[in-house]
Amino acid sequence: MFHPGQQRDYFLAIFSFLSMLARAGCLPRVAWTGCRRMGNFTSSPSLSSTSCVQYVKEMVSQNCVVIFSKTTCPYCKMAKNVFNEIGATYKVVELDEHNDGRRVQEALAQITGARTVPRVFINGKCIGGGSDTKQLHQQGKLLPLIEQCASCCAASSSDGSGSGQFESAK
């Protein structure tokens, strides 16, 4: 049916096509154990769903401003830039660098009803994402929210999170 050269070309074409689909995220990586997905090594031990919900709640309760983010997300960068502009202290949890980033994101979806990042919390309440944060700032409503928890932020500023800086929590 195929000549030896044609068989090889056919195989390479199929392999190239499947590789392209895999890079685009269109194929499941079930058999590719050990692949890094959103900061998770599939072979490493991970937190349970309940532990991730507890982790999110602890981060939010211990920090006045928390941004659950991904390093490559433009909306996450937008939210961080807003806080940098006003010199606010905030804590960042980079989900794509976190050992349980995928599960933490699932916990955020469970808690807030939205799976997208960033998820920005001020004084224990989720205010939304990057566009929501920017809009609140433009309306002059962001700074008053931060000032409501100023005593909390002053107490936690010794943990490495300073004005315009962030600490990546793992």
N, C-alpha and C. Protein backbone atom coordinates (compact mmCIF):
# COMPACT_ATOMS: atom_id res chain seq x y z
N MET A 1 0.82 -1.18 0.00
CA MET A 1 0.00 0.00 0.00
C MET A 1 0.87 1.26 0.00
N PHE A 2 1.81 1.40 0.97
CA PHE A 2 2.73 2.53 1.02
C PHE A 2 4.13 2.04 0.71
N HIS A 3 4.88 2.83 0.03
CA HIS A 3 6.30 2.56 -0.13
C HIS A 3 6.99 2.92 1.18
N PRO A 4 8.18 2.35 1.47
CA PRO A 4 8.86 2.65 2.73
C PRO A 4 9.05 4.14 2.99
N GLY A 5 9.38 4.90 1.98
CA GLY A 5 9.56 6.35 2.15
C GLY A 5 8.25 7.05 2.46
N GLN A 6 7.17 6.60 1.79
CA GLN A 6 5.85 7.19 2.03
C GLN A 6 5.35 6.87 3.43
N GLN A 7 5.64 5.66 3.90
CA GLN A 7 5.22 5.25 5.23
C GLN A 7 5.85 6.16 6.29
N ARG A 8 7.14 6.42 6.13
CA ARG A 8 7.84 7.30 7.06
C ARG A 8 7.26 8.71 7.01
N ASP A 9 7.02 9.24 5.81
CA ASP A 9 6.45 10.58 5.66
C ASP A 9 5.06 10.66 6.29
N TYR A 10 4.26 9.61 6.10
CA TYR A 10 2.92 9.56 6.68
C TYR A 10 3.02 9.58 8.21
N PHE A 11 3.91 8.75 8.74
CA PHE A 11 4.11 8.70 10.20
C PHE A 11 4.54 10.06 10.74
N LEU A 12 5.50 10.71 10.07
CA LEU A 12 5.98 12.03 10.50
C LEU A 12 4.87 13.08 10.45
N ALA A 13 4.04 13.01 9.41
CA ALA A 13 2.93 13.97 9.29
C ALA A 13 1.94 13.78 10.45
N ILE A 14 1.60 12.55 10.76
CA ILE A 14 0.67 12.26 11.86
C ILE A 14 1.29 12.69 13.19
N PHE A 15 2.55 12.36 13.38
CA PHE A 15 3.23 12.72 14.62
C PHE A 15 3.29 14.24 14.79
N SER A 16 3.61 14.95 13.72
CA SER A 16 3.66 16.42 13.76
C SER A 16 2.30 17.00 14.10
N PHE A 17 1.26 16.46 13.50
CA PHE A 17 -0.09 16.93 13.75
C PHE A 17 -0.48 16.71 15.21
N LEU A 18 -0.21 15.51 15.73
CA LEU A 18 -0.53 15.21 17.13
C LEU A 18 0.30 16.07 18.09
N SER A 19 1.54 16.31 17.75
CA SER A 19 2.39 17.19 18.57
C SER A 19 1.81 18.59 18.62
N MET A 20 1.36 19.08 17.46
CA MET A 20 0.76 20.41 17.40
C MET A 20 -0.49 20.47 18.28
N LEU A 21 -1.34 19.46 18.21
CA LEU A 21 -2.54 19.43 19.04
C LEU A 21 -2.18 19.38 20.53
N ALA A 22 -1.18 18.61 20.86
CA ALA A 22 -0.76 18.51 22.26
C ALA A 22 -0.25 19.85 22.78
N ARG A 23 0.56 20.54 21.98
CA ARG A 23 1.07 21.86 22.38
C ARG A 23 -0.06 22.86 22.55
N ALA A 24 -1.11 22.73 21.76
CA ALA A 24 -2.24 23.65 21.83
C ALA A 24 -3.17 23.29 22.98
N GLY A 25 -2.90 22.17 23.65
CA GLY A 25 -3.72 21.76 24.78
C GLY A 25 -4.98 21.02 24.37
N CYS A 26 -5.04 20.55 23.14
CA CYS A 26 -6.23 19.87 22.63
C CYS A 26 -6.24 18.37 22.94
N LEU A 27 -5.14 17.85 23.39
CA LEU A 27 -5.08 16.43 23.71
C LEU A 27 -4.84 16.26 25.21
N PRO A 28 -5.51 15.31 25.81
CA PRO A 28 -5.25 15.06 27.23
C PRO A 28 -3.85 14.50 27.42
N ARG A 29 -3.27 14.78 28.58
CA ARG A 29 -1.92 14.31 28.87
C ARG A 29 -1.96 13.16 29.87
N VAL A 30 -2.92 12.30 29.71
CA VAL A 30 -3.11 11.21 30.65
C VAL A 30 -1.87 10.33 30.76
N ALA A 31 -1.29 9.99 29.64
CA ALA A 31 -0.16 9.07 29.66
C ALA A 31 1.16 9.78 29.91
N TRP A 32 1.17 11.08 29.95
CA TRP A 32 2.41 11.82 30.09
C TRP A 32 2.66 12.16 31.54
N THR A 33 2.85 11.19 32.38
CA THR A 33 3.07 11.44 33.80
C THR A 33 4.37 12.20 33.99
N GLY A 34 4.38 13.04 34.98
CA GLY A 34 5.55 13.85 35.24
C GLY A 34 5.56 15.17 34.49
N CYS A 35 4.58 15.40 33.62
CA CYS A 35 4.50 16.68 32.91
C CYS A 35 4.09 17.77 33.88
N ARG A 36 4.62 18.93 33.66
CA ARG A 36 4.31 20.06 34.53
C ARG A 36 3.07 20.75 33.99
N ARG A 37 2.03 20.80 34.82
CA ARG A 37 0.82 21.49 34.43
C ARG A 37 0.45 22.45 35.55
N MET A 38 0.42 23.75 35.24
CA MET A 38 0.06 24.79 36.18
C MET A 38 0.82 24.66 37.49
N GLY A 39 2.08 24.38 37.43
CA GLY A 39 2.89 24.33 38.63
C GLY A 39 2.81 23.02 39.38
N ASN A 40 2.15 22.04 38.82
CA ASN A 40 1.99 20.77 39.51
C ASN A 40 2.83 19.69 38.83
N PHE A 41 3.53 18.93 39.62
CA PHE A 41 4.13 17.72 39.09
C PHE A 41 3.16 16.62 39.44
N THR A 42 2.73 15.86 38.42
CA THR A 42 1.70 14.87 38.68
C THR A 42 2.20 13.78 39.62
N SER A 43 3.49 13.63 39.76
CA SER A 43 4.00 12.58 40.63
C SER A 43 4.23 13.05 42.07
N SER A 44 4.11 14.37 42.32
CA SER A 44 4.35 14.87 43.67
C SER A 44 3.07 14.81 44.49
N PRO A 45 3.21 14.68 45.80
CA PRO A 45 2.03 14.67 46.64
C PRO A 45 1.37 16.04 46.61
N SER A 46 0.05 16.06 46.66
CA SER A 46 -0.65 17.34 46.60
C SER A 46 -1.70 17.43 47.69
N LEU A 47 -2.15 18.65 47.89
CA LEU A 47 -3.17 18.91 48.89
C LEU A 47 -4.51 18.41 48.40
N SER A 48 -5.37 18.06 49.34
CA SER A 48 -6.72 17.66 48.97
C SER A 48 -7.51 18.91 48.63
N SER A 49 -8.67 18.72 48.05
CA SER A 49 -9.54 19.84 47.70
C SER A 49 -9.91 20.64 48.95
N THR A 50 -10.20 19.94 50.02
CA THR A 50 -10.54 20.61 51.28
C THR A 50 -9.36 21.41 51.81
N SER A 51 -8.16 20.87 51.71
CA SER A 51 -6.97 21.59 52.15
C SER A 51 -6.73 22.84 51.33
N CYS A 52 -7.01 22.78 50.04
CA CYS A 52 -6.84 23.95 49.17
C CYS A 52 -7.84 25.04 49.52
N VAL A 53 -9.07 24.67 49.81
CA VAL A 53 -10.07 25.65 50.24
C VAL A 53 -9.60 26.29 51.54
N GLN A 54 -9.09 25.48 52.46
CA GLN A 54 -8.58 26.01 53.73
C GLN A 54 -7.39 26.93 53.50
N TYR A 55 -6.51 26.57 52.58
CA TYR A 55 -5.34 27.39 52.24
C TYR A 55 -5.78 28.77 51.74
N VAL A 56 -6.75 28.79 50.82
CA VAL A 56 -7.25 30.05 50.28
C VAL A 56 -7.84 30.89 51.41
N LYS A 57 -8.65 30.28 52.26
CA LYS A 57 -9.28 31.02 53.36
C LYS A 57 -8.24 31.58 54.32
N GLU A 58 -7.18 30.82 54.59
CA GLU A 58 -6.12 31.31 55.48
C GLU A 58 -5.37 32.48 54.84
N MET A 59 -5.03 32.37 53.56
CA MET A 59 -4.34 33.46 52.87
C MET A 59 -5.17 34.74 52.93
N VAL A 60 -6.45 34.59 52.66
CA VAL A 60 -7.35 35.74 52.62
C VAL A 60 -7.54 36.34 54.01
N SER A 61 -7.61 35.51 55.02
CA SER A 61 -7.83 36.03 56.38
C SER A 61 -6.55 36.63 56.98
N GLN A 62 -5.40 36.21 56.53
CA GLN A 62 -4.13 36.69 57.09
C GLN A 62 -3.54 37.88 56.34
N ASN A 63 -4.11 38.26 55.22
CA ASN A 63 -3.59 39.35 54.41
C ASN A 63 -4.74 40.24 53.96
N CYS A 64 -4.51 41.54 54.05
CA CYS A 64 -5.57 42.47 53.64
C CYS A 64 -5.85 42.41 52.15
N VAL A 65 -4.82 42.31 51.36
CA VAL A 65 -4.98 42.24 49.91
C VAL A 65 -4.24 41.00 49.42
N VAL A 66 -4.97 40.12 48.74
CA VAL A 66 -4.38 38.91 48.17
C VAL A 66 -4.79 38.83 46.71
N ILE A 67 -3.81 38.56 45.87
CA ILE A 67 -4.08 38.37 44.44
C ILE A 67 -3.66 36.95 44.08
N PHE A 68 -4.64 36.14 43.68
CA PHE A 68 -4.34 34.81 43.16
C PHE A 68 -4.16 35.01 41.66
N SER A 69 -2.96 34.70 41.17
CA SER A 69 -2.51 35.17 39.87
C SER A 69 -1.81 34.06 39.10
N LYS A 70 -1.49 34.36 37.85
CA LYS A 70 -0.57 33.56 37.04
C LYS A 70 0.43 34.52 36.42
N THR A 71 1.66 34.11 36.36
CA THR A 71 2.74 35.00 35.95
C THR A 71 2.59 35.53 34.52
N THR A 72 1.94 34.79 33.65
CA THR A 72 1.86 35.19 32.25
C THR A 72 0.54 35.88 31.89
N CYS A 73 -0.36 36.04 32.84
CA CYS A 73 -1.69 36.57 32.57
C CYS A 73 -1.68 38.10 32.54
N PRO A 74 -2.11 38.72 31.43
CA PRO A 74 -2.11 40.18 31.35
C PRO A 74 -3.09 40.84 32.34
N TYR A 75 -4.20 40.18 32.64
CA TYR A 75 -5.15 40.75 33.60
C TYR A 75 -4.58 40.71 35.02
N CYS A 76 -3.79 39.68 35.30
CA CYS A 76 -3.11 39.60 36.60
C CYS A 76 -2.10 40.73 36.72
N LYS A 77 -1.36 40.97 35.65
CA LYS A 77 -0.39 42.07 35.64
C LYS A 77 -1.10 43.40 35.82
N MET A 78 -2.28 43.54 35.20
CA MET A 78 -3.07 44.76 35.34
C MET A 78 -3.43 45.00 36.80
N ALA A 79 -3.91 43.97 37.48
CA ALA A 79 -4.30 44.10 38.88
C ALA A 79 -3.09 44.46 39.76
N LYS A 80 -1.97 43.79 39.54
CA LYS A 80 -0.77 44.09 40.33
C LYS A 80 -0.29 45.51 40.07
N ASN A 81 -0.38 45.96 38.83
CA ASN A 81 0.04 47.33 38.50
C ASN A 81 -0.81 48.37 39.22
N VAL A 82 -2.11 48.10 39.35
CA VAL A 82 -2.98 49.03 40.06
C VAL A 82 -2.52 49.18 41.51
N PHE A 83 -2.22 48.06 42.17
CA PHE A 83 -1.77 48.11 43.56
C PHE A 83 -0.39 48.75 43.67
N ASN A 84 0.47 48.51 42.68
CA ASN A 84 1.78 49.15 42.67
C ASN A 84 1.64 50.67 42.53
N GLU A 85 0.74 51.12 41.66
CA GLU A 85 0.52 52.55 41.45
C GLU A 85 0.12 53.27 42.74
N ILE A 86 -0.72 52.62 43.53
CA ILE A 86 -1.19 53.28 44.75
C ILE A 86 -0.31 52.96 45.95
N GLY A 87 0.71 52.14 45.76
CA GLY A 87 1.65 51.83 46.83
C GLY A 87 1.08 50.93 47.90
N ALA A 88 0.14 50.09 47.53
CA ALA A 88 -0.51 49.20 48.50
C ALA A 88 0.31 47.94 48.75
N THR A 89 0.19 47.44 49.95
CA THR A 89 0.81 46.16 50.32
C THR A 89 -0.13 45.04 49.87
N TYR A 90 0.42 44.05 49.22
CA TYR A 90 -0.41 42.93 48.79
C TYR A 90 0.39 41.64 48.78
N LYS A 91 -0.32 40.54 48.84
CA LYS A 91 0.27 39.20 48.77
C LYS A 91 -0.17 38.59 47.45
N VAL A 92 0.77 37.99 46.75
CA VAL A 92 0.46 37.33 45.49
C VAL A 92 0.69 35.84 45.63
N VAL A 93 -0.24 35.06 45.15
CA VAL A 93 -0.08 33.61 45.05
C VAL A 93 -0.09 33.30 43.56
N GLU A 94 1.09 32.99 43.01
CA GLU A 94 1.22 32.68 41.59
C GLU A 94 0.85 31.21 41.38
N LEU A 95 -0.32 30.97 40.84
CA LEU A 95 -0.83 29.61 40.72
C LEU A 95 -0.01 28.75 39.77
N ASP A 96 0.62 29.36 38.77
CA ASP A 96 1.42 28.57 37.83
C ASP A 96 2.79 28.21 38.41
N GLU A 97 3.11 28.73 39.58
CA GLU A 97 4.36 28.38 40.26
C GLU A 97 4.08 27.63 41.57
N HIS A 98 2.85 27.50 41.93
CA HIS A 98 2.44 26.86 43.19
C HIS A 98 2.34 25.36 42.97
N ASN A 99 2.78 24.58 43.95
CA ASN A 99 2.75 23.11 43.82
C ASN A 99 1.35 22.57 43.58
N ASP A 100 0.33 23.24 44.11
CA ASP A 100 -1.05 22.79 43.94
C ASP A 100 -1.89 23.86 43.24
N GLY A 101 -1.29 24.55 42.29
CA GLY A 101 -1.96 25.66 41.61
C GLY A 101 -3.29 25.30 41.00
N ARG A 102 -3.36 24.16 40.34
CA ARG A 102 -4.61 23.75 39.69
C ARG A 102 -5.70 23.55 40.74
N ARG A 103 -5.36 22.89 41.83
CA ARG A 103 -6.35 22.64 42.88
C ARG A 103 -6.74 23.92 43.62
N VAL A 104 -5.78 24.81 43.80
CA VAL A 104 -6.09 26.09 44.44
C VAL A 104 -7.04 26.87 43.54
N GLN A 105 -6.83 26.82 42.23
CA GLN A 105 -7.72 27.50 41.32
C GLN A 105 -9.12 26.89 41.37
N GLU A 106 -9.20 25.59 41.51
CA GLU A 106 -10.51 24.94 41.67
C GLU A 106 -11.17 25.37 42.97
N ALA A 107 -10.38 25.51 44.03
CA ALA A 107 -10.92 25.98 45.31
C ALA A 107 -11.43 27.41 45.19
N LEU A 108 -10.70 28.25 44.44
CA LEU A 108 -11.15 29.63 44.20
C LEU A 108 -12.48 29.64 43.47
N ALA A 109 -12.64 28.75 42.50
CA ALA A 109 -13.90 28.65 41.76
C ALA A 109 -15.04 28.26 42.71
N GLN A 110 -14.75 27.34 43.60
CA GLN A 110 -15.74 26.89 44.58
C GLN A 110 -16.12 28.03 45.53
N ILE A 111 -15.15 28.81 45.96
CA ILE A 111 -15.38 29.89 46.93
C ILE A 111 -16.03 31.11 46.28
N THR A 112 -15.53 31.50 45.10
CA THR A 112 -15.97 32.77 44.50
C THR A 112 -16.98 32.61 43.38
N GLY A 113 -17.10 31.40 42.83
CA GLY A 113 -18.00 31.19 41.71
C GLY A 113 -17.36 31.50 40.36
N ALA A 114 -16.08 31.91 40.37
CA ALA A 114 -15.37 32.20 39.12
C ALA A 114 -14.03 31.49 39.13
N ARG A 115 -13.67 30.91 38.00
CA ARG A 115 -12.43 30.14 37.90
C ARG A 115 -11.29 30.98 37.33
N THR A 116 -11.60 32.11 36.71
CA THR A 116 -10.59 32.91 36.03
C THR A 116 -9.67 33.61 37.03
N VAL A 117 -8.48 33.97 36.55
CA VAL A 117 -7.54 34.74 37.35
C VAL A 117 -7.35 36.09 36.67
N PRO A 118 -7.01 37.09 37.45
CA PRO A 118 -6.77 37.02 38.88
C PRO A 118 -8.07 36.97 39.66
N ARG A 119 -7.95 36.49 40.87
CA ARG A 119 -9.01 36.60 41.89
C ARG A 119 -8.40 37.49 42.94
N VAL A 120 -8.97 38.66 43.13
CA VAL A 120 -8.43 39.67 44.04
C VAL A 120 -9.34 39.77 45.26
N PHE A 121 -8.71 39.66 46.43
CA PHE A 121 -9.43 39.76 47.69
C PHE A 121 -8.93 40.97 48.46
N ILE A 122 -9.86 41.74 49.01
CA ILE A 122 -9.52 42.84 49.89
C ILE A 122 -10.35 42.69 51.15
N ASN A 123 -9.66 42.68 52.28
CA ASN A 123 -10.31 42.59 53.58
C ASN A 123 -11.26 41.39 53.65
N GLY A 124 -10.82 40.26 53.09
CA GLY A 124 -11.59 39.02 53.17
C GLY A 124 -12.66 38.85 52.11
N LYS A 125 -12.85 39.83 51.25
CA LYS A 125 -13.92 39.77 50.25
C LYS A 125 -13.32 39.78 48.85
N CYS A 126 -13.84 38.92 47.99
CA CYS A 126 -13.38 38.90 46.61
C CYS A 126 -14.02 40.07 45.87
N ILE A 127 -13.16 40.92 45.28
CA ILE A 127 -13.66 42.07 44.52
C ILE A 127 -13.71 41.77 43.03
N GLY A 128 -13.24 40.62 42.61
CA GLY A 128 -13.28 40.23 41.20
C GLY A 128 -11.91 40.02 40.61
N GLY A 129 -11.76 40.43 39.35
CA GLY A 129 -10.52 40.20 38.62
C GLY A 129 -9.79 41.49 38.31
N GLY A 130 -8.96 41.45 37.27
CA GLY A 130 -8.13 42.58 36.90
C GLY A 130 -8.93 43.79 36.45
N SER A 131 -9.91 43.57 35.60
CA SER A 131 -10.74 44.68 35.11
C SER A 131 -11.56 45.29 36.24
N ASP A 132 -12.07 44.43 37.13
CA ASP A 132 -12.85 44.92 38.28
C ASP A 132 -11.97 45.78 39.19
N THR A 133 -10.75 45.34 39.41
CA THR A 133 -9.81 46.07 40.27
C THR A 133 -9.50 47.44 39.65
N LYS A 134 -9.22 47.44 38.36
CA LYS A 134 -8.90 48.69 37.67
C LYS A 134 -10.10 49.64 37.70
N GLN A 135 -11.28 49.10 37.48
CA GLN A 135 -12.49 49.92 37.49
C GLN A 135 -12.74 50.53 38.87
N LEU A 136 -12.59 49.74 39.93
CA LEU A 136 -12.75 50.26 41.29
C LEU A 136 -11.76 51.39 41.56
N HIS A 137 -10.53 51.21 41.07
CA HIS A 137 -9.51 52.25 41.25
C HIS A 137 -9.90 53.52 40.50
N GLN A 138 -10.35 53.39 39.26
CA GLN A 138 -10.74 54.54 38.46
C GLN A 138 -11.94 55.28 39.06
N GLN A 139 -12.81 54.55 39.74
CA GLN A 139 -13.97 55.15 40.38
C GLN A 139 -13.65 55.72 41.77
N GLY A 140 -12.40 55.53 42.21
CA GLY A 140 -12.01 56.02 43.53
C GLY A 140 -12.52 55.17 44.67
N LYS A 141 -12.90 53.94 44.40
CA LYS A 141 -13.46 53.06 45.42
C LYS A 141 -12.47 52.04 45.96
N LEU A 142 -11.32 51.88 45.31
CA LEU A 142 -10.35 50.86 45.73
C LEU A 142 -9.61 51.26 46.99
N LEU A 143 -9.07 52.47 47.01
CA LEU A 143 -8.29 52.93 48.16
C LEU A 143 -9.10 52.91 49.46
N PRO A 144 -10.37 53.35 49.46
CA PRO A 144 -11.16 53.24 50.70
C PRO A 144 -11.30 51.80 51.20
N LEU A 145 -11.42 50.85 50.26
CA LEU A 145 -11.51 49.44 50.67
C LEU A 145 -10.22 49.00 51.37
N ILE A 146 -9.09 49.42 50.81
CA ILE A 146 -7.79 49.06 51.38
C ILE A 146 -7.60 49.74 52.74
N GLU A 147 -8.02 50.99 52.84
CA GLU A 147 -7.87 51.72 54.10
C GLU A 147 -8.69 51.12 55.22
N GLN A 148 -9.78 50.41 54.89
CA GLN A 148 -10.60 49.75 55.91
C GLN A 148 -9.81 48.67 56.65
N CYS A 149 -8.83 48.12 55.99
CA CYS A 149 -8.05 47.06 56.63
C CYS A 149 -6.61 47.49 56.86
N ALA A 150 -6.38 48.79 56.97
CA ALA A 150 -5.01 49.31 57.12
C ALA A 150 -4.30 48.75 58.34
N SER A 151 -5.03 48.54 59.44
CA SER A 151 -4.37 48.00 60.63
C SER A 151 -3.89 46.58 60.39
N CYS A 152 -4.66 45.81 59.63
CA CYS A 152 -4.26 44.45 59.27
C CYS A 152 -2.99 44.48 58.42
N CYS A 153 -2.96 45.37 57.43
CA CYS A 153 -1.82 45.44 56.52
C CYS A 153 -0.56 45.93 57.23
N ALA A 154 -0.72 46.86 58.16
CA ALA A 154 0.44 47.37 58.89
C ALA A 154 1.04 46.27 59.74
N ALA A 155 0.21 45.41 60.29
CA ALA A 155 0.70 44.33 61.13
C ALA A 155 1.40 43.25 60.32
N SER A 156 0.97 43.07 59.05
CA SER A 156 1.55 41.98 58.26
C SER A 156 2.65 42.45 57.33
N SER A 157 2.97 43.75 57.32
CA SER A 157 3.97 44.23 56.36
C SER A 157 5.37 43.75 56.68
N SER A 158 5.58 43.18 57.83
CA SER A 158 6.90 42.68 58.18
C SER A 158 7.17 41.30 57.59
N ASP A 159 6.19 40.71 56.89
CA ASP A 159 6.39 39.36 56.35
C ASP A 159 7.05 39.35 54.98
N GLY A 160 7.51 40.50 54.51
CA GLY A 160 8.18 40.53 53.22
C GLY A 160 7.34 41.16 52.15
N SER A 161 6.04 41.35 52.40
CA SER A 161 5.18 42.02 51.43
C SER A 161 5.18 43.50 51.77
N GLY A 162 5.71 44.33 50.90
CA GLY A 162 5.75 45.75 51.17
C GLY A 162 5.01 46.52 50.12
N SER A 163 4.97 47.81 50.24
CA SER A 163 4.28 48.64 49.26
C SER A 163 4.90 48.41 47.89
N GLY A 164 4.01 48.08 46.97
CA GLY A 164 4.46 47.87 45.60
C GLY A 164 5.26 46.61 45.39
N GLN A 165 5.38 45.79 46.40
CA GLN A 165 6.11 44.53 46.26
C GLN A 165 5.14 43.39 46.44
N PHE A 166 5.56 42.23 46.05
CA PHE A 166 4.72 41.07 46.31
C PHE A 166 5.58 39.90 46.74
N GLU A 167 4.93 39.00 47.42
CA GLU A 167 5.59 37.79 47.85
C GLU A 167 4.86 36.62 47.23
N SER A 168 5.53 35.82 46.51
CA SER A 168 4.91 34.65 45.90
C SER A 168 4.79 33.57 46.95
N ALA A 169 3.57 33.21 47.27
CA ALA A 169 3.33 32.19 48.30
C ALA A 169 3.32 30.81 47.66
N LYS A 170 3.98 29.85 48.31
CA LYS A 170 3.99 28.48 47.79
C LYS A 170 3.49 27.53 48.82
